[in-house]
Each structure stands twice: as structure tokens, then as C-alpha cells.
PDB file of N, CA and C in Angstrom:
ATOM      1  N   UNK A   1     128.814 154.844  95.032  1.00  0.00           N
ATOM      2  CA  UNK A   1     128.858 154.977  93.643  1.00  0.00           C
ATOM      3  C   UNK A   1     130.384 153.704  93.504  1.00  0.00           C
ATOM      4  N   UNK A   2     129.499 152.618  92.910  1.00  0.00           N
ATOM      5  CA  UNK A   2     130.564 151.437  93.065  1.00  0.00           C
ATOM      6  C   UNK A   2     131.776 151.464  92.135  1.00  0.00           C
ATOM      7  N   UNK A   3     132.850 150.763  92.167  1.00  0.00           N
ATOM      8  CA  UNK A   3     134.113 150.752  91.841  1.00  0.00           C
ATOM      9  C   UNK A   3     133.670 149.962  90.409  1.00  0.00           C
ATOM     10  N   UNK A   4     134.058 150.831  89.376  1.00  0.00           N
ATOM     11  CA  UNK A   4     133.651 150.368  88.195  1.00  0.00           C
ATOM     12  C   UNK A   4     135.089 149.559  88.202  1.00  0.00           C
ATOM     13  N   UNK A   5     136.266 150.549  88.067  1.00  0.00           N
ATOM     14  CA  UNK A   5     137.529 150.054  87.859  1.00  0.00           C
ATOM     15  C   UNK A   5     138.009 149.600  89.121  1.00  0.00           C
ATOM     16  N   UNK A   6     139.722 149.415  89.044  1.00  0.00           N
ATOM     17  CA  UNK A   6     139.655 149.091  90.390  1.00  0.00           C
ATOM     18  C   UNK A   6     141.658 150.018  90.269  1.00  0.00           C
ATOM     19  N   UNK A   7     140.803 151.179  91.281  1.00  0.00           N
ATOM     20  CA  UNK A   7     142.305 152.421  92.214  1.00  0.00           C
ATOM     21  C   UNK A   7     143.372 151.472  91.756  1.00  0.00           C
ATOM     22  N   UNK A   8     144.506 152.486  92.429  1.00  0.00           N
ATOM     23  CA  UNK A   8     145.650 152.065  92.394  1.00  0.00           C
ATOM     24  C   UNK A   8     145.487 152.206  93.976  1.00  0.00           C
ATOM     25  N   UNK A   9     146.589 151.893  94.857  1.00  0.00           N
ATOM     26  CA  UNK A   9     146.647 152.019  96.376  1.00  0.00           C
ATOM     27  C   UNK A   9     146.093 153.110  96.594  1.00  0.00           C
ATOM     28  N   UNK A  10     147.031 153.879  96.111  1.00  0.00           N
ATOM     29  CA  UNK A  10     146.571 155.482  96.630  1.00  0.00           C
ATOM     30  C   UNK A  10     145.768 156.142  96.304  1.00  0.00           C
ATOM     31  N   UNK A  11     145.201 155.668  94.975  1.00  0.00           N
ATOM     32  CA  UNK A  11     143.985 156.496  95.035  1.00  0.00           C
ATOM     33  C   UNK A  11     142.496 155.521  95.854  1.00  0.00           C
ATOM     34  N   UNK A  12     142.665 154.427  96.255  1.00  0.00           N
ATOM     35  CA  UNK A  12     141.601 153.951  96.732  1.00  0.00           C
ATOM     36  C   UNK A  12     141.527 154.530  98.267  1.00  0.00           C
ATOM     37  N   UNK A  13     143.433 154.093  98.791  1.00  0.00           N
ATOM     38  CA  UNK A  13     143.173 154.876 100.517  1.00  0.00           C
ATOM     39  C   UNK A  13     142.572 156.309 100.633  1.00  0.00           C
ATOM     40  N   UNK A  14     142.893 157.548  99.349  1.00  0.00           N
ATOM     41  CA  UNK A  14     142.186 158.332  99.293  1.00  0.00           C
ATOM     42  C   UNK A  14     140.868 158.360  99.071  1.00  0.00           C
ATOM     43  N   UNK A  15     140.534 157.757  98.552  1.00  0.00           N
ATOM     44  CA  UNK A  15     138.782 157.079  98.505  1.00  0.00           C
ATOM     45  C   UNK A  15     138.098 156.969  99.666  1.00  0.00           C
ATOM     46  N   UNK A  16     138.486 155.910 100.545  1.00  0.00           N
ATOM     47  CA  UNK A  16     138.233 155.591 101.596  1.00  0.00           C
ATOM     48  C   UNK A  16     138.059 156.736 102.871  1.00  0.00           C
ATOM     49  N   UNK A  17     139.472 157.624 102.806  1.00  0.00           N
ATOM     50  CA  UNK A  17     139.089 158.660 103.557  1.00  0.00           C
ATOM     51  C   UNK A  17     138.704 159.786 103.457  1.00  0.00           C
ATOM     52  N   UNK A  18     138.043 159.594 102.284  1.00  0.00           N
ATOM     53  CA  UNK A  18     136.862 161.045 101.226  1.00  0.00           C
ATOM     54  C   UNK A  18     135.328 159.681 101.831  1.00  0.00           C
ATOM     55  N   UNK A  19     135.070 158.694 102.214  1.00  0.00           N
ATOM     56  CA  UNK A  19     133.770 157.853 102.570  1.00  0.00           C
ATOM     57  C   UNK A  19     133.573 157.523 104.153  1.00  0.00           C
ATOM     58  N   UNK A  20     134.629 157.476 104.771  1.00  0.00           N
ATOM     59  CA  UNK A  20     134.622 157.356 106.370  1.00  0.00           C
ATOM     60  C   UNK A  20     134.445 159.223 106.793  1.00  0.00           C
ATOM     61  N   UNK A  21     134.297 160.058 105.908  1.00  0.00           N
ATOM     62  CA  UNK A  21     134.397 161.424 106.634  1.00  0.00           C
ATOM     63  C   UNK A  21     132.880 162.114 105.715  1.00  0.00           C
ATOM     64  N   UNK A  22     132.239 161.006 104.426  1.00  0.00           N
ATOM     65  CA  UNK A  22     130.704 161.296 104.187  1.00  0.00           C
ATOM     66  C   UNK A  22     130.045 160.579 105.125  1.00  0.00           C
ATOM     67  N   UNK A  23     130.347 159.321 106.187  1.00  0.00           N
ATOM     68  CA  UNK A  23     129.769 158.705 106.749  1.00  0.00           C
ATOM     69  C   UNK A  23     129.445 159.267 107.837  1.00  0.00           C
ATOM     70  N   UNK A  24     131.216 160.425 108.035  1.00  0.00           N
ATOM     71  CA  UNK A  24     130.680 160.994 109.695  1.00  0.00           C
ATOM     72  C   UNK A  24     129.591 161.863 109.642  1.00  0.00           C
ATOM     73  N   UNK A  25     129.067 162.464 108.557  1.00  0.00           N
ATOM     74  CA  UNK A  25     128.211 163.271 108.697  1.00  0.00           C
ATOM     75  C   UNK A  25     126.923 162.542 108.840  1.00  0.00           C
ATOM     76  N   UNK A  26     126.113 163.433 109.943  1.00  0.00           N
ATOM     77  CA  UNK A  26     125.011 162.943 110.453  1.00  0.00           C
ATOM     78  C   UNK A  26     123.821 163.252 109.843  1.00  0.00           C
ATOM     79  N   UNK A  27     123.557 164.146 108.554  1.00  0.00           N
ATOM     80  CA  UNK A  27     122.701 164.118 107.504  1.00  0.00           C
ATOM     81  C   UNK A  27     122.741 163.586 106.440  1.00  0.00           C
ATOM     82  N   UNK A  28     123.295 162.749 106.514  1.00  0.00           N
ATOM     83  CA  UNK A  28     123.469 161.442 104.876  1.00  0.00           C
ATOM     84  C   UNK A  28     122.058 160.697 105.621  1.00  0.00           C
ATOM     85  N   UNK A  29     121.820 160.472 104.366  1.00  0.00           N
ATOM     86  CA  UNK A  29     120.534 159.375 104.153  1.00  0.00           C
ATOM     87  C   UNK A  29     121.186 158.308 104.516  1.00  0.00           C
ATOM     88  N   UNK A  30     120.293 157.288 104.432  1.00  0.00           N
ATOM     89  CA  UNK A  30     120.944 155.792 105.391  1.00  0.00           C
ATOM     90  C   UNK A  30     120.866 155.228 103.541  1.00  0.00           C
ATOM     91  N   UNK A  31     119.671 155.324 102.681  1.00  0.00           N
ATOM     92  CA  UNK A  31     120.511 154.783 101.385  1.00  0.00           C
ATOM     93  C   UNK A  31     121.835 155.295 101.218  1.00  0.00           C
ATOM     94  N   UNK A  32     122.707 155.750 100.840  1.00  0.00           N
ATOM     95  CA  UNK A  32     123.739 156.890 100.257  1.00  0.00           C
ATOM     96  C   UNK A  32     124.407 155.803 101.393  1.00  0.00           C
ATOM     97  N   UNK A  33     124.187 156.486 102.719  1.00  0.00           N
ATOM     98  CA  UNK A  33     125.296 156.030 103.880  1.00  0.00           C
ATOM     99  C   UNK A  33     125.659 154.261 103.024  1.00  0.00           C
ATOM    100  N   UNK A  34     124.563 153.626 102.809  1.00  0.00           N
ATOM    101  CA  UNK A  34     124.703 152.129 102.620  1.00  0.00           C
ATOM    102  C   UNK A  34     125.228 151.881 101.483  1.00  0.00           C
ATOM    103  N   UNK A  35     125.414 152.816 100.543  1.00  0.00           N
ATOM    104  CA  UNK A  35     125.543 152.633  99.241  1.00  0.00           C
ATOM    105  C   UNK A  35     127.351 152.889  99.318  1.00  0.00           C
ATOM    106  N   UNK A  36     127.689 153.855 100.114  1.00  0.00           N
ATOM    107  CA  UNK A  36     129.174 154.621 100.592  1.00  0.00           C
ATOM    108  C   UNK A  36     130.243 152.988 101.327  1.00  0.00           C
ATOM    109  N   UNK A  37     128.673 152.626 102.535  1.00  0.00           N
ATOM    110  CA  UNK A  37     129.563 151.297 102.926  1.00  0.00           C
ATOM    111  C   UNK A  37     130.185 150.312 102.630  1.00  0.00           C
ATOM    112  N   UNK A  38     129.072 150.057 101.533  1.00  0.00           N
ATOM    113  CA  UNK A  38     129.386 148.824 100.518  1.00  0.00           C
ATOM    114  C   UNK A  38     130.866 149.436  99.626  1.00  0.00           C
ATOM    115  N   UNK A  39     130.901 150.532  99.286  1.00  0.00           N
ATOM    116  CA  UNK A  39     132.196 150.869  98.582  1.00  0.00           C
ATOM    117  C   UNK A  39     133.288 150.726  99.376  1.00  0.00           C
ATOM    118  N   UNK A  40     133.424 151.043 100.265  1.00  0.00           N
ATOM    119  CA  UNK A  40     134.122 151.648 101.753  1.00  0.00           C
ATOM    120  C   UNK A  40     134.784 149.671 101.702  1.00  0.00           C
ATOM    121  N   UNK A  41     133.746 149.010 101.859  1.00  0.00           N
ATOM    122  CA  UNK A  41     134.574 147.833 102.550  1.00  0.00           C
ATOM    123  C   UNK A  41     135.239 147.115 100.927  1.00  0.00           C
ATOM    124  N   UNK A  42     134.415 147.238  99.975  1.00  0.00           N
ATOM    125  CA  UNK A  42     134.714 146.766  98.638  1.00  0.00           C
ATOM    126  C   UNK A  42     136.372 147.076  98.249  1.00  0.00           C
ATOM    127  N   UNK A  43     136.795 148.454  98.675  1.00  0.00           N
ATOM    128  CA  UNK A  43     138.128 149.307  98.790  1.00  0.00           C
ATOM    129  C   UNK A  43     138.734 148.851  99.611  1.00  0.00           C
ATOM    130  N   UNK A  44     137.928 149.115 101.080  1.00  0.00           N
ATOM    131  CA  UNK A  44     138.930 147.404 101.734  1.00  0.00           C
ATOM    132  C   UNK A  44     139.695 146.661 101.489  1.00  0.00           C
ATOM    133  N   UNK A  45     138.969 145.948 100.887  1.00  0.00           N
ATOM    134  CA  UNK A  45     139.528 144.531 100.627  1.00  0.00           C
ATOM    135  C   UNK A  45     140.220 144.231  99.259  1.00  0.00           C
ATOM    136  N   UNK A  46     140.095 145.447  98.290  1.00  0.00           N
ATOM    137  CA  UNK A  46     140.893 145.913  97.810  1.00  0.00           C
ATOM    138  C   UNK A  46     142.577 146.248  98.148  1.00  0.00           C
ATOM    139  N   UNK A  47     142.368 146.965  98.998  1.00  0.00           N
ATOM    140  CA  UNK A  47     143.583 146.961 100.068  1.00  0.00           C
ATOM    141  C   UNK A  47     144.304 145.993  99.929  1.00  0.00           C
ATOM    142  N   UNK A  48     143.719 145.981 101.077  1.00  0.00           N
ATOM    143  CA  UNK A  48     144.434 144.438 101.799  1.00  0.00           C
ATOM    144  C   UNK A  48     144.605 143.659 101.070  1.00  0.00           C
ATOM    145  N   UNK A  49     144.439 143.271  99.866  1.00  0.00           N
ATOM    146  CA  UNK A  49     144.805 142.298  98.735  1.00  0.00           C
ATOM    147  C   UNK A  49     146.250 142.870  97.579  1.00  0.00           C
ATOM    148  N   UNK A  50     145.777 144.128  97.688  1.00  0.00           N
ATOM    149  CA  UNK A  50     147.033 144.547  97.171  1.00  0.00           C
ATOM    150  C   UNK A  50     148.534 144.762  98.363  1.00  0.00           C
ATOM    151  N   UNK A  51     148.107 145.151  99.378  1.00  0.00           N
ATOM    152  CA  UNK A  51     148.825 144.837 100.569  1.00  0.00           C
ATOM    153  C   UNK A  51     150.302 142.927 100.311  1.00  0.00           C
ATOM    154  N   UNK A  52     149.153 141.906 100.593  1.00  0.00           N
ATOM    155  CA  UNK A  52     149.524 140.732 100.095  1.00  0.00           C
ATOM    156  C   UNK A  52     150.280 140.454  99.456  1.00  0.00           C
ATOM    157  N   UNK A  53     149.684 141.600  98.087  1.00  0.00           N
ATOM    158  CA  UNK A  53     150.625 140.553  97.146  1.00  0.00           C
ATOM    159  C   UNK A  53     151.551 141.858  97.115  1.00  0.00           C
ATOM    160  N   UNK A  54     152.076 143.116  97.204  1.00  0.00           N
ATOM    161  CA  UNK A  54     153.245 143.996  97.713  1.00  0.00           C
ATOM    162  C   UNK A  54     154.654 142.778  98.841  1.00  0.00           C
ATOM    163  N   UNK A  55     153.513 142.820  99.624  1.00  0.00           N
ATOM    164  CA  UNK A  55     154.405 141.988 100.416  1.00  0.00           C
ATOM    165  C   UNK A  55     155.098 140.361  99.965  1.00  0.00           C
ATOM    166  N   UNK A  56     154.238 139.505  99.410  1.00  0.00           N
ATOM    167  CA  UNK A  56     155.041 138.317  98.726  1.00  0.00           C
ATOM    168  C   UNK A  56     155.762 138.984  97.519  1.00  0.00           C
ATOM    169  N   UNK A  57     155.153 139.751  96.709  1.00  0.00           N
ATOM    170  CA  UNK A  57     156.372 140.096  96.107  1.00  0.00           C
ATOM    171  C   UNK A  57     157.754 140.631  96.394  1.00  0.00           C
ATOM    172  N   UNK A  58     157.780 141.281  97.853  1.00  0.00           N
ATOM    173  CA  UNK A  58     158.939 141.957  98.807  1.00  0.00           C
ATOM    174  C   UNK A  58     159.935 141.170  99.145  1.00  0.00           C
ATOM    175  N   UNK A  59     158.853 139.484  99.362  1.00  0.00           N
ATOM    176  CA  UNK A  59     159.252 138.495 100.271  1.00  0.00           C
ATOM    177  C   UNK A  59     160.684 137.543  98.826  1.00  0.00           C
ATOM    178  N   UNK A  60     159.635 137.615  97.995  1.00  0.00           N
ATOM    179  CA  UNK A  60     160.412 136.893  96.499  1.00  0.00           C
ATOM    180  C   UNK A  60     161.297 137.712  96.231  1.00  0.00           C
ATOM    181  N   UNK A  61     161.899 139.236  96.081  1.00  0.00           N
ATOM    182  CA  UNK A  61     163.089 139.999  95.894  1.00  0.00           C
ATOM    183  C   UNK A  61     163.744 139.741  96.919  1.00  0.00           C
ATOM    184  N   UNK A  62     163.295 139.484  98.072  1.00  0.00           N
ATOM    185  CA  UNK A  62     164.636 139.737  99.466  1.00  0.00           C
ATOM    186  C   UNK A  62     165.175 138.225  99.579  1.00  0.00           C
ATOM    187  N   UNK A  63     164.369 137.117  99.168  1.00  0.00           N
ATOM    188  CA  UNK A  63     164.616 135.908  99.945  1.00  0.00           C
ATOM    189  C   UNK A  63     164.179 134.881  98.342  1.00  0.00           C
ATOM    190  N   UNK A  64     164.796 134.849  97.292  1.00  0.00           N
ATOM    191  CA  UNK A  64     164.782 134.056  96.056  1.00  0.00           C
ATOM    192  C   UNK A  64     164.799 132.536  96.130  1.00  0.00           C
ATOM    193  N   UNK A  65     166.016 132.584  97.363  1.00  0.00           N
ATOM    194  CA  UNK A  65     165.896 130.710  97.545  1.00  0.00           C
ATOM    195  C   UNK A  65     165.043 130.470  98.417  1.00  0.00           C
ATOM    196  N   UNK A  66     163.891 130.946  98.412  1.00  0.00           N
ATOM    197  CA  UNK A  66     162.925 130.308  99.136  1.00  0.00           C
ATOM    198  C   UNK A  66     162.148 129.685  98.556  1.00  0.00           C
ATOM    199  N   UNK A  67     162.229 129.890  97.504  1.00  0.00           N
ATOM    200  CA  UNK A  67     160.937 129.520  96.283  1.00  0.00           C
ATOM    201  C   UNK A  67     161.821 128.180  96.033  1.00  0.00           C
ATOM    202  N   UNK A  68     162.691 127.684  96.479  1.00  0.00           N
ATOM    203  CA  UNK A  68     163.112 126.598  95.762  1.00  0.00           C
ATOM    204  C   UNK A  68     163.136 125.509  97.258  1.00  0.00           C
ATOM    205  N   UNK A  69     163.403 125.989  98.390  1.00  0.00           N
ATOM    206  CA  UNK A  69     163.005 125.152  99.603  1.00  0.00           C
ATOM    207  C   UNK A  69     162.146 124.101  99.454  1.00  0.00           C
ATOM    208  N   UNK A  70     162.860 123.517 100.112  1.00  0.00           N
ATOM    209  CA  UNK A  70     161.386 121.954 100.072  1.00  0.00           C
ATOM    210  C   UNK A  70     160.456 122.848 101.466  1.00  0.00           C
TER     211      UNK A  70
END
């Protein structure tokens, strides 16, 4: 299933966990496994971007003067 909308971080992580469980199923058809793998890599990239964005926001909050430094 392709991701049509951007999930919240916790929702994406939950779906990634589901995908891992499904991919560990030895009876999974190759086509379905590939579909799940693509969805998982997309979600993983989304989560990584969200974490970087959150980290940047926290740095701004914790160190507001860093933005004005040379």
C-alpha cells in the first residue's frame, strides 16, 4: 500500500513495525514483499526527516542565539 498522506511519527513507526512483521512471513508473495519494502523505505525516510526537523526545532528553542551568531 503506497502512502497517500504523511502519517504522524508514531503512526509511521507503528506501520513500520507492522511491515517488518509482515516481511518476516515466509509465505509472503514476492510482489507483496516488494510493495511492503517500498512502503517501508518511504516511511523510514519520512520518519528520519521528521526526527531531523524536530531536532532542529529543539536546537532553536534551546539555543535561540545561535541563529544570530556569525
